[in-house]
């Protein structure tokens, strides 16, 4: 079994805790479903948010869907001119037998523009 990274991102319309929590839960649930992993296979997850998101840690959303034993960290994304605003990104490390080509990275809402090559 290997550790594979699974990337994902989503956006919110405003820096509101409920909106960030809902969008992050949706992203994690789709990542989990599309990649068919169980919570106990998650080694860790790293979240980044753009500087316009300050009202809640996206990791808090992971805790509400059962990721309470998973090591989680949140960071601020570097500020690049003209970067996509109000964006939550995640890198989930999963123990899996899947090959790299079998991993499904998920980009939702306006974040689809970040990786047009991976949109489903």
PDB file of N, CA and C in Angstrom:
ATOM      1  N   UNK A   1       0.856  -1.182   0.000  1.00  0.00           N
ATOM      2  CA  UNK A   1       0.000   0.000   0.000  1.00  0.00           C
ATOM      3  C   UNK A   1       0.892   1.232   0.000  1.00  0.00           C
ATOM      4  N   UNK A   2       0.489   2.237  -0.770  1.00  0.00           N
ATOM      5  CA  UNK A   2       1.230   3.480  -0.891  1.00  0.00           C
ATOM      6  C   UNK A   2       0.397   4.643  -0.381  1.00  0.00           C
ATOM      7  N   UNK A   3       1.060   5.762  -0.148  1.00  0.00           N
ATOM      8  CA  UNK A   3       0.356   7.002   0.165  1.00  0.00           C
ATOM      9  C   UNK A   3       0.238   7.788  -1.137  1.00  0.00           C
ATOM     10  N   UNK A   4      -0.977   8.170  -1.487  1.00  0.00           N
ATOM     11  CA  UNK A   4      -1.240   8.974  -2.677  1.00  0.00           C
ATOM     12  C   UNK A   4      -1.847  10.303  -2.259  1.00  0.00           C
ATOM     13  N   UNK A   5      -1.519  11.340  -2.985  1.00  0.00           N
ATOM     14  CA  UNK A   5      -2.106  12.646  -2.763  1.00  0.00           C
ATOM     15  C   UNK A   5      -3.311  12.834  -3.660  1.00  0.00           C
ATOM     16  N   UNK A   6      -4.367  13.350  -3.087  1.00  0.00           N
ATOM     17  CA  UNK A   6      -5.570  13.655  -3.846  1.00  0.00           C
ATOM     18  C   UNK A   6      -5.844  15.145  -3.669  1.00  0.00           C
ATOM     19  N   UNK A   7      -5.907  15.863  -4.787  1.00  0.00           N
ATOM     20  CA  UNK A   7      -6.106  17.308  -4.747  1.00  0.00           C
ATOM     21  C   UNK A   7      -7.549  17.668  -5.019  1.00  0.00           C
ATOM     22  N   UNK A   8      -7.952  18.779  -4.453  1.00  0.00           N
ATOM     23  CA  UNK A   8      -9.272  19.301  -4.712  1.00  0.00           C
ATOM     24  C   UNK A   8      -9.338  20.770  -4.358  1.00  0.00           C
ATOM     25  N   UNK A   9     -10.347  21.428  -4.904  1.00  0.00           N
ATOM     26  CA  UNK A   9     -10.560  22.841  -4.592  1.00  0.00           C
ATOM     27  C   UNK A   9     -12.014  23.194  -4.864  1.00  0.00           C
ATOM     28  N   UNK A  10     -12.455  24.225  -4.185  1.00  0.00           N
ATOM     29  CA  UNK A  10     -13.802  24.758  -4.376  1.00  0.00           C
ATOM     30  C   UNK A  10     -13.764  26.242  -4.060  1.00  0.00           C
ATOM     31  N   UNK A  11     -14.854  26.906  -4.339  1.00  0.00           N
ATOM     32  CA  UNK A  11     -14.953  28.327  -4.025  1.00  0.00           C
ATOM     33  C   UNK A  11     -16.237  28.595  -3.244  1.00  0.00           C
ATOM     34  N   UNK A  12     -16.260  29.745  -2.601  1.00  0.00           N
ATOM     35  CA  UNK A  12     -17.451  30.217  -1.903  1.00  0.00           C
ATOM     36  C   UNK A  12     -17.778  31.612  -2.426  1.00  0.00           C
ATOM     37  N   UNK A  13     -19.009  32.043  -2.218  1.00  0.00           N
ATOM     38  CA  UNK A  13     -19.421  33.373  -2.677  1.00  0.00           C
ATOM     39  C   UNK A  13     -19.030  34.472  -1.691  1.00  0.00           C
ATOM     40  N   UNK A  14     -18.866  34.090  -0.411  1.00  0.00           N
ATOM     41  CA  UNK A  14     -18.530  35.073   0.622  1.00  0.00           C
ATOM     42  C   UNK A  14     -17.837  34.369   1.783  1.00  0.00           C
ATOM     43  N   UNK A  15     -17.097  35.151   2.553  1.00  0.00           N
ATOM     44  CA  UNK A  15     -16.403  34.627   3.730  1.00  0.00           C
ATOM     45  C   UNK A  15     -17.389  34.493   4.889  1.00  0.00           C
ATOM     46  N   UNK A  16     -18.233  33.489   4.784  1.00  0.00           N
ATOM     47  CA  UNK A  16     -19.220  33.192   5.815  1.00  0.00           C
ATOM     48  C   UNK A  16     -18.964  31.780   6.335  1.00  0.00           C
ATOM     49  N   UNK A  17     -18.894  31.599   7.658  1.00  0.00           N
ATOM     50  CA  UNK A  17     -18.580  30.271   8.201  1.00  0.00           C
ATOM     51  C   UNK A  17     -19.456  29.156   7.644  1.00  0.00           C
ATOM     52  N   UNK A  18     -20.769  29.383   7.559  1.00  0.00           N
ATOM     53  CA  UNK A  18     -21.665  28.319   7.080  1.00  0.00           C
ATOM     54  C   UNK A  18     -21.347  27.935   5.641  1.00  0.00           C
ATOM     55  N   UNK A  19     -21.026  28.943   4.829  1.00  0.00           N
ATOM     56  CA  UNK A  19     -20.738  28.689   3.420  1.00  0.00           C
ATOM     57  C   UNK A  19     -19.423  27.926   3.251  1.00  0.00           C
ATOM     58  N   UNK A  20     -18.425  28.288   4.005  1.00  0.00           N
ATOM     59  CA  UNK A  20     -17.125  27.614   3.939  1.00  0.00           C
ATOM     60  C   UNK A  20     -17.254  26.183   4.448  1.00  0.00           C
ATOM     61  N   UNK A  21     -17.965  26.005   5.532  1.00  0.00           N
ATOM     62  CA  UNK A  21     -18.158  24.659   6.084  1.00  0.00           C
ATOM     63  C   UNK A  21     -18.886  23.765   5.083  1.00  0.00           C
ATOM     64  N   UNK A  22     -19.958  24.272   4.482  1.00  0.00           N
ATOM     65  CA  UNK A  22     -20.742  23.475   3.540  1.00  0.00           C
ATOM     66  C   UNK A  22     -19.919  23.137   2.302  1.00  0.00           C
ATOM     67  N   UNK A  23     -19.215  24.111   1.754  1.00  0.00           N
ATOM     68  CA  UNK A  23     -18.424  23.884   0.542  1.00  0.00           C
ATOM     69  C   UNK A  23     -17.284  22.894   0.801  1.00  0.00           C
ATOM     70  N   UNK A  24     -16.660  22.992   1.956  1.00  0.00           N
ATOM     71  CA  UNK A  24     -15.564  22.080   2.293  1.00  0.00           C
ATOM     72  C   UNK A  24     -16.084  20.669   2.515  1.00  0.00           C
ATOM     73  N   UNK A  25     -17.189  20.532   3.219  1.00  0.00           N
ATOM     74  CA  UNK A  25     -17.791  19.198   3.403  1.00  0.00           C
ATOM     75  C   UNK A  25     -18.137  18.577   2.057  1.00  0.00           C
ATOM     76  N   UNK A  26     -18.761  19.353   1.190  1.00  0.00           N
ATOM     77  CA  UNK A  26     -19.119  18.850  -0.141  1.00  0.00           C
ATOM     78  C   UNK A  26     -17.879  18.359  -0.889  1.00  0.00           C
ATOM     79  N   UNK A  27     -16.819  19.150  -0.879  1.00  0.00           N
ATOM     80  CA  UNK A  27     -15.586  18.783  -1.566  1.00  0.00           C
ATOM     81  C   UNK A  27     -15.010  17.483  -1.007  1.00  0.00           C
ATOM     82  N   UNK A  28     -14.916  17.380   0.310  1.00  0.00           N
ATOM     83  CA  UNK A  28     -14.341  16.182   0.926  1.00  0.00           C
ATOM     84  C   UNK A  28     -15.200  14.945   0.662  1.00  0.00           C
ATOM     85  N   UNK A  29     -16.510  15.101   0.735  1.00  0.00           N
ATOM     86  CA  UNK A  29     -17.399  13.957   0.498  1.00  0.00           C
ATOM     87  C   UNK A  29     -17.294  13.466  -0.952  1.00  0.00           C
ATOM     88  N   UNK A  30     -17.189  14.380  -1.903  1.00  0.00           N
ATOM     89  CA  UNK A  30     -17.022  13.973  -3.304  1.00  0.00           C
ATOM     90  C   UNK A  30     -15.660  13.332  -3.515  1.00  0.00           C
ATOM     91  N   UNK A  31     -14.609  13.902  -2.928  1.00  0.00           N
ATOM     92  CA  UNK A  31     -13.276  13.293  -3.022  1.00  0.00           C
ATOM     93  C   UNK A  31     -13.302  11.863  -2.506  1.00  0.00           C
ATOM     94  N   UNK A  32     -13.951  11.667  -1.358  1.00  0.00           N
ATOM     95  CA  UNK A  32     -14.011  10.351  -0.740  1.00  0.00           C
ATOM     96  C   UNK A  32     -14.819   9.375  -1.608  1.00  0.00           C
ATOM     97  N   UNK A  33     -15.951   9.800  -2.114  1.00  0.00           N
ATOM     98  CA  UNK A  33     -16.790   8.935  -2.948  1.00  0.00           C
ATOM     99  C   UNK A  33     -16.093   8.581  -4.257  1.00  0.00           C
ATOM    100  N   UNK A  34     -15.555   9.589  -4.932  1.00  0.00           N
ATOM    101  CA  UNK A  34     -14.930   9.368  -6.247  1.00  0.00           C
ATOM    102  C   UNK A  34     -13.673   8.504  -6.158  1.00  0.00           C
ATOM    103  N   UNK A  35     -12.991   8.551  -5.010  1.00  0.00           N
ATOM    104  CA  UNK A  35     -11.756   7.787  -4.855  1.00  0.00           C
ATOM    105  C   UNK A  35     -11.914   6.559  -3.970  1.00  0.00           C
ATOM    106  N   UNK A  36     -13.130   6.314  -3.512  1.00  0.00           N
ATOM    107  CA  UNK A  36     -13.484   5.102  -2.760  1.00  0.00           C
ATOM    108  C   UNK A  36     -12.519   4.789  -1.621  1.00  0.00           C
ATOM    109  N   UNK A  37     -12.293   5.791  -0.750  1.00  0.00           N
ATOM    110  CA  UNK A  37     -11.469   5.524   0.423  1.00  0.00           C
ATOM    111  C   UNK A  37     -12.305   5.704   1.684  1.00  0.00           C
ATOM    112  N   UNK A  38     -11.853   5.057   2.738  1.00  0.00           N
ATOM    113  CA  UNK A  38     -12.484   5.176   4.052  1.00  0.00           C
ATOM    114  C   UNK A  38     -11.684   6.181   4.885  1.00  0.00           C
ATOM    115  N   UNK A  39     -12.309   6.739   5.883  1.00  0.00           N
ATOM    116  CA  UNK A  39     -11.648   7.742   6.714  1.00  0.00           C
ATOM    117  C   UNK A  39     -10.373   7.187   7.349  1.00  0.00           C
ATOM    118  N   UNK A  40     -10.379   5.918   7.748  1.00  0.00           N
ATOM    119  CA  UNK A  40      -9.175   5.369   8.400  1.00  0.00           C
ATOM    120  C   UNK A  40      -8.019   5.167   7.423  1.00  0.00           C
ATOM    121  N   UNK A  41      -8.236   5.390   6.134  1.00  0.00           N
ATOM    122  CA  UNK A  41      -7.161   5.347   5.140  1.00  0.00           C
ATOM    123  C   UNK A  41      -6.505   6.709   4.952  1.00  0.00           C
ATOM    124  N   UNK A  42      -7.096   7.758   5.521  1.00  0.00           N
ATOM    125  CA  UNK A  42      -6.564   9.112   5.359  1.00  0.00           C
ATOM    126  C   UNK A  42      -5.411   9.306   6.332  1.00  0.00           C
ATOM    127  N   UNK A  43      -4.226   9.561   5.788  1.00  0.00           N
ATOM    128  CA  UNK A  43      -3.044   9.790   6.623  1.00  0.00           C
ATOM    129  C   UNK A  43      -3.022  11.208   7.171  1.00  0.00           C
ATOM    130  N   UNK A  44      -3.406  12.180   6.331  1.00  0.00           N
ATOM    131  CA  UNK A  44      -3.465  13.583   6.747  1.00  0.00           C
ATOM    132  C   UNK A  44      -4.110  14.395   5.634  1.00  0.00           C
ATOM    133  N   UNK A  45      -4.437  15.642   5.954  1.00  0.00           N
ATOM    134  CA  UNK A  45      -4.979  16.554   4.957  1.00  0.00           C
ATOM    135  C   UNK A  45      -4.477  17.963   5.235  1.00  0.00           C
ATOM    136  N   UNK A  46      -4.111  18.634   4.169  1.00  0.00           N
ATOM    137  CA  UNK A  46      -3.640  20.011   4.247  1.00  0.00           C
ATOM    138  C   UNK A  46      -4.614  20.896   3.483  1.00  0.00           C
ATOM    139  N   UNK A  47      -5.062  21.959   4.124  1.00  0.00           N
ATOM    140  CA  UNK A  47      -5.990  22.896   3.509  1.00  0.00           C
ATOM    141  C   UNK A  47      -5.295  24.241   3.321  1.00  0.00           C
ATOM    142  N   UNK A  48      -5.588  24.902   2.209  1.00  0.00           N
ATOM    143  CA  UNK A  48      -5.188  26.297   2.068  1.00  0.00           C
ATOM    144  C   UNK A  48      -6.431  27.106   1.729  1.00  0.00           C
ATOM    145  N   UNK A  49      -6.398  28.369   2.128  1.00  0.00           N
ATOM    146  CA  UNK A  49      -7.464  29.299   1.777  1.00  0.00           C
ATOM    147  C   UNK A  49      -6.814  30.583   1.269  1.00  0.00           C
ATOM    148  N   UNK A  50      -7.524  31.265   0.397  1.00  0.00           N
ATOM    149  CA  UNK A  50      -7.045  32.562  -0.046  1.00  0.00           C
ATOM    150  C   UNK A  50      -7.192  33.565   1.093  1.00  0.00           C
ATOM    151  N   UNK A  51      -6.486  34.674   0.998  1.00  0.00           N
ATOM    152  CA  UNK A  51      -6.435  35.631   2.118  1.00  0.00           C
ATOM    153  C   UNK A  51      -7.780  36.282   2.428  1.00  0.00           C
ATOM    154  N   UNK A  52      -8.752  36.136   1.539  1.00  0.00           N
ATOM    155  CA  UNK A  52     -10.071  36.711   1.785  1.00  0.00           C
ATOM    156  C   UNK A  52     -10.987  35.781   2.581  1.00  0.00           C
ATOM    157  N   UNK A  53     -10.472  34.630   2.989  1.00  0.00           N
ATOM    158  CA  UNK A  53     -11.219  33.705   3.849  1.00  0.00           C
ATOM    159  C   UNK A  53     -10.564  33.706   5.227  1.00  0.00           C
ATOM    160  N   UNK A  54     -11.329  34.162   6.224  1.00  0.00           N
ATOM    161  CA  UNK A  54     -10.789  34.302   7.583  1.00  0.00           C
ATOM    162  C   UNK A  54     -11.754  33.880   8.666  1.00  0.00           C
ATOM    163  N   UNK A  55     -12.987  33.547   8.300  1.00  0.00           N
ATOM    164  CA  UNK A  55     -14.025  33.365   9.317  1.00  0.00           C
ATOM    165  C   UNK A  55     -14.034  31.985   9.971  1.00  0.00           C
ATOM    166  N   UNK A  56     -13.443  30.973   9.315  1.00  0.00           N
ATOM    167  CA  UNK A  56     -13.447  29.628   9.892  1.00  0.00           C
ATOM    168  C   UNK A  56     -12.349  28.804   9.218  1.00  0.00           C
ATOM    169  N   UNK A  57     -11.814  27.850   9.976  1.00  0.00           N
ATOM    170  CA  UNK A  57     -10.844  26.919   9.406  1.00  0.00           C
ATOM    171  C   UNK A  57     -11.595  25.854   8.603  1.00  0.00           C
ATOM    172  N   UNK A  58     -11.203  25.574   7.363  1.00  0.00           N
ATOM    173  CA  UNK A  58     -11.877  24.509   6.621  1.00  0.00           C
ATOM    174  C   UNK A  58     -11.705  23.132   7.282  1.00  0.00           C
ATOM    175  N   UNK A  59     -10.667  22.952   8.051  1.00  0.00           N
ATOM    176  CA  UNK A  59     -10.478  21.685   8.758  1.00  0.00           C
ATOM    177  C   UNK A  59     -11.638  21.403   9.714  1.00  0.00           C
ATOM    178  N   UNK A  60     -12.271  22.451  10.207  1.00  0.00           N
ATOM    179  CA  UNK A  60     -13.427  22.263  11.093  1.00  0.00           C
ATOM    180  C   UNK A  60     -14.535  21.498  10.381  1.00  0.00           C
ATOM    181  N   UNK A  61     -14.681  21.712   9.084  1.00  0.00           N
ATOM    182  CA  UNK A  61     -15.696  20.983   8.307  1.00  0.00           C
ATOM    183  C   UNK A  61     -15.367  19.497   8.240  1.00  0.00           C
ATOM    184  N   UNK A  62     -14.087  19.177   8.099  1.00  0.00           N
ATOM    185  CA  UNK A  62     -13.678  17.771   8.061  1.00  0.00           C
ATOM    186  C   UNK A  62     -14.032  17.074   9.369  1.00  0.00           C
ATOM    187  N   UNK A  63     -13.882  17.757  10.460  1.00  0.00           N
ATOM    188  CA  UNK A  63     -14.210  17.173  11.764  1.00  0.00           C
ATOM    189  C   UNK A  63     -15.699  16.816  11.847  1.00  0.00           C
ATOM    190  N   UNK A  64     -16.550  17.617  11.204  1.00  0.00           N
ATOM    191  CA  UNK A  64     -17.992  17.375  11.282  1.00  0.00           C
ATOM    192  C   UNK A  64     -18.446  16.168  10.468  1.00  0.00           C
ATOM    193  N   UNK A  65     -17.587  15.664   9.581  1.00  0.00           N
ATOM    194  CA  UNK A  65     -17.957  14.483   8.793  1.00  0.00           C
ATOM    195  C   UNK A  65     -17.151  13.253   9.218  1.00  0.00           C
ATOM    196  N   UNK A  66     -16.608  13.301  10.432  1.00  0.00           N
ATOM    197  CA  UNK A  66     -15.970  12.118  10.987  1.00  0.00           C
ATOM    198  C   UNK A  66     -14.462  12.045  10.868  1.00  0.00           C
ATOM    199  N   UNK A  67     -13.834  13.075  10.363  1.00  0.00           N
ATOM    200  CA  UNK A  67     -12.377  13.062  10.230  1.00  0.00           C
ATOM    201  C   UNK A  67     -11.721  13.548  11.527  1.00  0.00           C
ATOM    202  N   UNK A  68     -12.262  13.143  12.674  1.00  0.00           N
ATOM    203  CA  UNK A  68     -11.802  13.658  13.963  1.00  0.00           C
ATOM    204  C   UNK A  68     -10.453  13.121  14.418  1.00  0.00           C
ATOM    205  N   UNK A  69      -9.985  12.013  13.867  1.00  0.00           N
ATOM    206  CA  UNK A  69      -8.673  11.456  14.244  1.00  0.00           C
ATOM    207  C   UNK A  69      -7.596  11.755  13.185  1.00  0.00           C
ATOM    208  N   UNK A  70      -7.992  12.358  12.071  1.00  0.00           N
ATOM    209  CA  UNK A  70      -7.074  12.652  10.970  1.00  0.00           C
ATOM    210  C   UNK A  70      -6.280  13.914  11.296  1.00  0.00           C
ATOM    211  N   UNK A  71      -4.949  13.891  11.145  1.00  0.00           N
ATOM    212  CA  UNK A  71      -4.162  15.112  11.316  1.00  0.00           C
ATOM    213  C   UNK A  71      -4.505  16.106  10.196  1.00  0.00           C
ATOM    214  N   UNK A  72      -4.897  17.319  10.584  1.00  0.00           N
ATOM    215  CA  UNK A  72      -5.320  18.344   9.632  1.00  0.00           C
ATOM    216  C   UNK A  72      -4.580  19.646   9.914  1.00  0.00           C
ATOM    217  N   UNK A  73      -4.211  20.353   8.857  1.00  0.00           N
ATOM    218  CA  UNK A  73      -3.589  21.670   9.005  1.00  0.00           C
ATOM    219  C   UNK A  73      -4.180  22.623   7.987  1.00  0.00           C
ATOM    220  N   UNK A  74      -4.272  23.893   8.375  1.00  0.00           N
ATOM    221  CA  UNK A  74      -4.756  24.941   7.476  1.00  0.00           C
ATOM    222  C   UNK A  74      -3.661  25.988   7.281  1.00  0.00           C
ATOM    223  N   UNK A  75      -3.579  26.499   6.067  1.00  0.00           N
ATOM    224  CA  UNK A  75      -2.584  27.502   5.705  1.00  0.00           C
ATOM    225  C   UNK A  75      -3.237  28.574   4.848  1.00  0.00           C
ATOM    226  N   UNK A  76      -2.574  29.727   4.765  1.00  0.00           N
ATOM    227  CA  UNK A  76      -3.032  30.747   3.827  1.00  0.00           C
ATOM    228  C   UNK A  76      -2.278  30.551   2.521  1.00  0.00           C
ATOM    229  N   UNK A  77      -3.014  30.555   1.424  1.00  0.00           N
ATOM    230  CA  UNK A  77      -2.441  30.445   0.086  1.00  0.00           C
ATOM    231  C   UNK A  77      -1.595  31.692  -0.193  1.00  0.00           C
ATOM    232  N   UNK A  78      -0.518  31.552  -0.947  1.00  0.00           N
ATOM    233  CA  UNK A  78       0.269  32.739  -1.286  1.00  0.00           C
ATOM    234  C   UNK A  78      -0.565  33.666  -2.159  1.00  0.00           C
ATOM    235  N   UNK A  79      -0.328  34.950  -2.010  1.00  0.00           N
ATOM    236  CA  UNK A  79      -1.098  35.937  -2.758  1.00  0.00           C
ATOM    237  C   UNK A  79      -0.427  36.191  -4.104  1.00  0.00           C
ATOM    238  N   UNK A  80      -1.039  35.679  -5.144  1.00  0.00           N
ATOM    239  CA  UNK A  80      -0.559  35.860  -6.508  1.00  0.00           C
ATOM    240  C   UNK A  80      -1.521  36.818  -7.207  1.00  0.00           C
ATOM    241  N   UNK A  81      -1.004  37.800  -7.915  1.00  0.00           N
ATOM    242  CA  UNK A  81      -1.904  38.740  -8.610  1.00  0.00           C
ATOM    243  C   UNK A  81      -2.878  37.999  -9.529  1.00  0.00           C
ATOM    244  N   UNK A  82      -4.129  38.429  -9.487  1.00  0.00           N
ATOM    245  CA  UNK A  82      -5.205  37.881 -10.324  1.00  0.00           C
ATOM    246  C   UNK A  82      -5.550  36.418 -10.030  1.00  0.00           C
ATOM    247  N   UNK A  83      -5.153  35.923  -8.865  1.00  0.00           N
ATOM    248  CA  UNK A  83      -5.488  34.542  -8.490  1.00  0.00           C
ATOM    249  C   UNK A  83      -6.976  34.437  -8.176  1.00  0.00           C
ATOM    250  N   UNK A  84      -7.490  33.236  -8.268  1.00  0.00           N
ATOM    251  CA  UNK A  84      -8.897  32.969  -7.981  1.00  0.00           C
ATOM    252  C   UNK A  84      -9.204  33.319  -6.523  1.00  0.00           C
ATOM    253  N   UNK A  85     -10.179  34.204  -6.270  1.00  0.00           N
ATOM    254  CA  UNK A  85     -10.512  34.581  -4.887  1.00  0.00           C
ATOM    255  C   UNK A  85     -11.455  33.575  -4.226  1.00  0.00           C
ATOM    256  N   UNK A  86     -11.583  33.706  -2.916  1.00  0.00           N
ATOM    257  CA  UNK A  86     -12.528  32.928  -2.103  1.00  0.00           C
ATOM    258  C   UNK A  86     -12.436  31.433  -2.400  1.00  0.00           C
ATOM    259  N   UNK A  87     -11.224  30.933  -2.368  1.00  0.00           N
ATOM    260  CA  UNK A  87     -10.953  29.548  -2.765  1.00  0.00           C
ATOM    261  C   UNK A  87     -10.397  28.730  -1.598  1.00  0.00           C
ATOM    262  N   UNK A  88     -10.941  27.536  -1.440  1.00  0.00           N
ATOM    263  CA  UNK A  88     -10.461  26.548  -0.466  1.00  0.00           C
ATOM    264  C   UNK A  88      -9.840  25.419  -1.271  1.00  0.00           C
ATOM    265  N   UNK A  89      -8.584  25.090  -0.952  1.00  0.00           N
ATOM    266  CA  UNK A  89      -7.898  23.987  -1.607  1.00  0.00           C
ATOM    267  C   UNK A  89      -7.567  22.925  -0.563  1.00  0.00           C
ATOM    268  N   UNK A  90      -7.436  21.676  -1.020  1.00  0.00           N
ATOM    269  CA  UNK A  90      -7.072  20.602  -0.101  1.00  0.00           C
ATOM    270  C   UNK A  90      -6.141  19.619  -0.801  1.00  0.00           C
ATOM    271  N   UNK A  91      -5.228  19.060  -0.032  1.00  0.00           N
ATOM    272  CA  UNK A  91      -4.390  17.942  -0.451  1.00  0.00           C
ATOM    273  C   UNK A  91      -4.585  16.861   0.606  1.00  0.00           C
ATOM    274  N   UNK A  92      -5.244  15.782   0.218  1.00  0.00           N
ATOM    275  CA  UNK A  92      -5.520  14.669   1.121  1.00  0.00           C
ATOM    276  C   UNK A  92      -4.523  13.559   0.822  1.00  0.00           C
ATOM    277  N   UNK A  93      -3.846  13.072   1.864  1.00  0.00           N
ATOM    278  CA  UNK A  93      -2.910  11.945   1.723  1.00  0.00           C
ATOM    279  C   UNK A  93      -3.637  10.673   2.151  1.00  0.00           C
ATOM    280  N   UNK A  94      -3.764   9.731   1.215  1.00  0.00           N
ATOM    281  CA  UNK A  94      -4.552   8.521   1.449  1.00  0.00           C
ATOM    282  C   UNK A  94      -3.692   7.283   1.244  1.00  0.00           C
ATOM    283  N   UNK A  95      -3.797   6.336   2.165  1.00  0.00           N
ATOM    284  CA  UNK A  95      -3.164   5.027   2.006  1.00  0.00           C
ATOM    285  C   UNK A  95      -4.039   4.203   1.071  1.00  0.00           C
ATOM    286  N   UNK A  96      -3.477   3.787  -0.059  1.00  0.00           N
ATOM    287  CA  UNK A  96      -4.280   3.108  -1.066  1.00  0.00           C
ATOM    288  C   UNK A  96      -3.415   2.213  -1.949  1.00  0.00           C
ATOM    289  N   UNK A  97      -4.062   1.268  -2.576  1.00  0.00           N
ATOM    290  CA  UNK A  97      -3.394   0.432  -3.573  1.00  0.00           C
ATOM    291  C   UNK A  97      -3.598   0.980  -4.978  1.00  0.00           C
ATOM    292  N   UNK A  98      -4.346   2.066  -5.104  1.00  0.00           N
ATOM    293  CA  UNK A  98      -4.607   2.647  -6.419  1.00  0.00           C
ATOM    294  C   UNK A  98      -3.338   3.222  -7.023  1.00  0.00           C
ATOM    295  N   UNK A  99      -3.265   3.150  -8.341  1.00  0.00           N
ATOM    296  CA  UNK A  99      -2.168   3.789  -9.053  1.00  0.00           C
ATOM    297  C   UNK A  99      -2.426   5.282  -9.199  1.00  0.00           C
ATOM    298  N   UNK A 100      -1.382   6.016  -9.520  1.00  0.00           N
ATOM    299  CA  UNK A 100      -1.508   7.466  -9.680  1.00  0.00           C
ATOM    300  C   UNK A 100      -2.568   7.829 -10.723  1.00  0.00           C
ATOM    301  N   UNK A 101      -2.644   7.061 -11.801  1.00  0.00           N
ATOM    302  CA  UNK A 101      -3.617   7.347 -12.861  1.00  0.00           C
ATOM    303  C   UNK A 101      -5.057   7.054 -12.442  1.00  0.00           C
ATOM    304  N   UNK A 102      -5.242   6.328 -11.350  1.00  0.00           N
ATOM    305  CA  UNK A 102      -6.587   5.991 -10.878  1.00  0.00           C
ATOM    306  C   UNK A 102      -7.152   7.014  -9.898  1.00  0.00           C
ATOM    307  N   UNK A 103      -6.330   7.960  -9.466  1.00  0.00           N
ATOM    308  CA  UNK A 103      -6.754   8.984  -8.521  1.00  0.00           C
ATOM    309  C   UNK A 103      -7.581  10.037  -9.256  1.00  0.00           C
ATOM    310  N   UNK A 104      -8.690  10.438  -8.640  1.00  0.00           N
ATOM    311  CA  UNK A 104      -9.566  11.456  -9.227  1.00  0.00           C
ATOM    312  C   UNK A 104      -9.488  12.727  -8.385  1.00  0.00           C
ATOM    313  N   UNK A 105      -8.873  13.742  -8.950  1.00  0.00           N
ATOM    314  CA  UNK A 105      -8.781  15.049  -8.309  1.00  0.00           C
ATOM    315  C   UNK A 105     -10.064  15.811  -8.633  1.00  0.00           C
ATOM    316  N   UNK A 106     -10.576  16.561  -7.672  1.00  0.00           N
ATOM    317  CA  UNK A 106     -11.888  17.183  -7.823  1.00  0.00           C
ATOM    318  C   UNK A 106     -11.789  18.704  -7.676  1.00  0.00           C
ATOM    319  N   UNK A 107     -12.303  19.405  -8.679  1.00  0.00           N
ATOM    320  CA  UNK A 107     -12.346  20.866  -8.670  1.00  0.00           C
ATOM    321  C   UNK A 107     -13.790  21.295  -8.914  1.00  0.00           C
ATOM    322  N   UNK A 108     -14.357  21.999  -7.953  1.00  0.00           N
ATOM    323  CA  UNK A 108     -15.768  22.381  -7.992  1.00  0.00           C
ATOM    324  C   UNK A 108     -15.939  23.884  -8.190  1.00  0.00           C
ATOM    325  N   UNK A 109     -17.101  24.251  -8.646  1.00  0.00           N
ATOM    326  CA  UNK A 109     -17.513  25.654  -8.799  1.00  0.00           C
ATOM    327  C   UNK A 109     -16.475  26.428  -9.615  1.00  0.00           C
ATOM    328  N   UNK A 110     -16.119  27.624  -9.174  1.00  0.00           N
ATOM    329  CA  UNK A 110     -15.157  28.449  -9.922  1.00  0.00           C
ATOM    330  C   UNK A 110     -13.752  27.839  -9.926  1.00  0.00           C
ATOM    331  N   UNK A 111     -13.479  26.936  -9.012  1.00  0.00           N
ATOM    332  CA  UNK A 111     -12.161  26.298  -8.942  1.00  0.00           C
ATOM    333  C   UNK A 111     -11.899  25.371 -10.132  1.00  0.00           C
ATOM    334  N   UNK A 112     -12.930  25.064 -10.913  1.00  0.00           N
ATOM    335  CA  UNK A 112     -12.715  24.260 -12.119  1.00  0.00           C
ATOM    336  C   UNK A 112     -11.714  24.938 -13.052  1.00  0.00           C
ATOM    337  N   UNK A 113     -11.624  26.256 -12.976  1.00  0.00           N
ATOM    338  CA  UNK A 113     -10.696  26.992 -13.838  1.00  0.00           C
ATOM    339  C   UNK A 113      -9.232  26.729 -13.479  1.00  0.00           C
ATOM    340  N   UNK A 114      -8.985  26.209 -12.281  1.00  0.00           N
ATOM    341  CA  UNK A 114      -7.607  25.949 -11.854  1.00  0.00           C
ATOM    342  C   UNK A 114      -6.981  24.771 -12.594  1.00  0.00           C
ATOM    343  N   UNK A 115      -7.799  23.770 -12.899  1.00  0.00           N
ATOM    344  CA  UNK A 115      -7.288  22.565 -13.572  1.00  0.00           C
ATOM    345  C   UNK A 115      -8.297  22.096 -14.605  1.00  0.00           C
ATOM    346  N   UNK A 116      -8.392  22.811 -15.692  1.00  0.00           N
ATOM    347  CA  UNK A 116      -9.343  22.435 -16.750  1.00  0.00           C
ATOM    348  C   UNK A 116      -9.064  21.030 -17.286  1.00  0.00           C
ATOM    349  N   UNK A 117      -7.825  20.600 -17.195  1.00  0.00           N
ATOM    350  CA  UNK A 117      -7.464  19.268 -17.687  1.00  0.00           C
ATOM    351  C   UNK A 117      -8.024  18.142 -16.819  1.00  0.00           C
ATOM    352  N   UNK A 118      -8.447  18.464 -15.591  1.00  0.00           N
ATOM    353  CA  UNK A 118      -8.945  17.440 -14.670  1.00  0.00           C
ATOM    354  C   UNK A 118     -10.449  17.516 -14.432  1.00  0.00           C
ATOM    355  N   UNK A 119     -11.126  18.482 -15.036  1.00  0.00           N
ATOM    356  CA  UNK A 119     -12.571  18.606 -14.804  1.00  0.00           C
ATOM    357  C   UNK A 119     -13.291  17.374 -15.275  1.00  0.00           C
ATOM    358  N   UNK A 120     -14.327  16.982 -14.486  1.00  0.00           N
ATOM    359  CA  UNK A 120     -15.072  15.807 -14.850  1.00  0.00           C
ATOM    360  C   UNK A 120     -16.285  16.171 -15.635  1.00  0.00           C
TER     361      UNK A 120
END
